[in-house]
Amino acid sequence: MGLMVAKNFGSVLTKSPVVIAYASVGPLVHASIALALSILLQLPAADVALLMVLSASASYIVVPAVLRYAIPEANPSLYFGLSLGVTFPLNILFGIPRYTFVAKHFLG
């Protein structure tokens, strides 16, 4: 998957800026929803951090396999490129530390 993303990532950057923005901002929105629900349910901070990480993550294994058969005309370089080339690095570099900090701040 990584080799395919590296080979075709240039075509992802030519797509609509809205799609790339969603791959960047969507995880923050999803993590915020998870935080709000966790506050309502009064979950422990460690559980909240994990729920935020999972909510912000793209499905890197299951969705590409399902899309390949469910929507054969879908462009795999687009959904692989956005999830592995944009969402994953942002979550690893910035998301997980931020989600952990926010969970501790609000619930720890």
Protein backbone atom coordinates (compact mmCIF):
# COMPACT_ATOMS: atom_id res chain seq x y z
CA MET A 1 0.00 0.00 0.00
CA GLY A 2 2.78 2.40 0.89
CA LEU A 3 4.55 1.86 -2.41
CA MET A 4 1.36 2.53 -4.34
CA VAL A 5 0.78 5.74 -2.35
CA ALA A 6 4.35 6.90 -2.92
CA LYS A 7 4.07 6.22 -6.66
CA ASN A 8 0.70 7.93 -7.11
CA PHE A 9 0.73 10.68 -4.46
CA GLY A 10 1.31 13.37 -7.08
CA SER A 11 -2.11 12.65 -8.59
CA VAL A 12 -3.73 13.13 -5.18
CA LEU A 13 -2.35 16.64 -4.92
CA THR A 14 -4.07 17.58 -8.18
CA LYS A 15 -7.52 16.79 -6.75
CA SER A 16 -9.94 19.29 -5.25
CA PRO A 17 -8.61 21.22 -2.26
CA VAL A 18 -11.83 20.30 -0.45
CA VAL A 19 -10.88 16.62 -0.50
CA ILE A 20 -7.41 17.33 0.84
CA ALA A 21 -8.87 19.68 3.48
CA TYR A 22 -11.24 16.96 4.63
CA ALA A 23 -8.34 14.51 5.01
CA SER A 24 -6.63 17.13 7.20
CA VAL A 25 -9.51 18.66 9.16
CA GLY A 26 -11.88 15.68 9.30
CA PRO A 27 -9.83 13.81 11.92
CA LEU A 28 -9.90 16.85 14.23
CA VAL A 29 -13.68 17.09 13.89
CA HIS A 30 -14.13 13.38 14.55
CA ALA A 31 -11.84 13.51 17.59
CA SER A 32 -13.78 16.52 18.92
CA ILE A 33 -17.04 14.62 18.62
CA ALA A 34 -15.48 11.70 20.49
CA LEU A 35 -14.30 14.11 23.21
CA ALA A 36 -17.75 15.65 23.59
CA LEU A 37 -19.43 12.26 23.85
CA SER A 38 -16.80 11.08 26.31
CA ILE A 39 -17.36 14.10 28.53
CA LEU A 40 -21.10 13.39 28.51
CA LEU A 41 -20.47 9.74 29.40
CA GLN A 42 -17.80 10.67 31.98
CA LEU A 43 -15.22 8.25 30.64
CA PRO A 44 -11.71 8.05 32.12
CA ALA A 45 -9.03 10.19 30.45
CA ALA A 46 -7.07 7.21 29.07
CA ASP A 47 -10.20 5.80 27.43
CA VAL A 48 -11.02 9.21 26.00
CA ALA A 49 -7.54 9.58 24.47
CA LEU A 50 -7.84 6.17 22.82
CA LEU A 51 -11.36 6.89 21.57
CA MET A 52 -10.19 10.19 20.10
CA VAL A 53 -7.28 8.50 18.30
CA LEU A 54 -9.56 5.81 16.90
CA SER A 55 -12.19 8.35 15.85
CA ALA A 56 -9.61 10.47 14.06
CA SER A 57 -8.01 7.55 12.22
CA ALA A 58 -8.86 6.38 8.74
CA SER A 59 -9.46 2.71 8.14
CA TYR A 60 -6.20 1.73 6.51
CA ILE A 61 -6.97 -1.95 5.91
CA VAL A 62 -10.68 -2.73 5.69
CA VAL A 63 -12.06 0.22 3.71
CA PRO A 64 -9.66 -0.06 0.75
CA ALA A 65 -10.51 -3.74 0.36
CA VAL A 66 -14.24 -3.06 0.57
CA LEU A 67 -14.08 -0.09 -1.81
CA ARG A 68 -12.21 -2.13 -4.38
CA TYR A 69 -15.19 -4.48 -4.67
CA ALA A 70 -18.11 -2.21 -3.74
CA ILE A 71 -17.11 0.73 -5.94
CA PRO A 72 -14.74 -0.62 -8.58
CA GLU A 73 -14.61 2.72 -10.43
CA ALA A 74 -13.23 4.48 -7.32
CA ASN A 75 -9.66 5.67 -7.69
CA PRO A 76 -7.48 3.71 -5.22
CA SER A 77 -4.68 6.24 -5.41
CA LEU A 78 -7.12 8.83 -4.03
CA TYR A 79 -8.40 6.96 -0.97
CA PHE A 80 -5.05 5.32 -0.23
CA GLY A 81 -3.20 8.56 -0.83
CA LEU A 82 -5.43 10.62 1.43
CA SER A 83 -5.54 8.10 4.27
CA LEU A 84 -1.87 7.04 4.21
CA GLY A 85 -0.34 10.20 2.77
CA VAL A 86 -2.27 12.87 4.68
CA THR A 87 -4.39 11.58 7.58
CA PHE A 88 -1.94 9.01 8.96
CA PRO A 89 1.13 11.29 9.17
CA LEU A 90 -0.91 14.13 10.67
CA ASN A 91 -2.30 11.81 13.32
CA ILE A 92 1.10 10.37 14.16
CA LEU A 93 2.97 13.69 14.29
CA PHE A 94 0.36 16.04 15.71
CA GLY A 95 -2.90 14.22 16.44
CA ILE A 96 -1.99 11.61 19.04
CA PRO A 97 0.01 14.00 21.25
CA ARG A 98 -2.76 16.60 20.97
CA TYR A 99 -5.55 14.11 21.71
CA THR A 100 -3.69 12.81 24.75
CA PHE A 101 -3.09 16.35 26.03
CA VAL A 102 -6.72 17.36 25.50
CA ALA A 103 -8.05 14.21 27.20
CA LYS A 104 -5.82 14.83 30.25
CA HIS A 105 -6.77 18.53 30.30
CA PHE A 106 -10.52 17.97 30.19
CA LEU A 107 -10.80 14.71 32.13
CA GLY A 108 -7.55 14.07 33.94
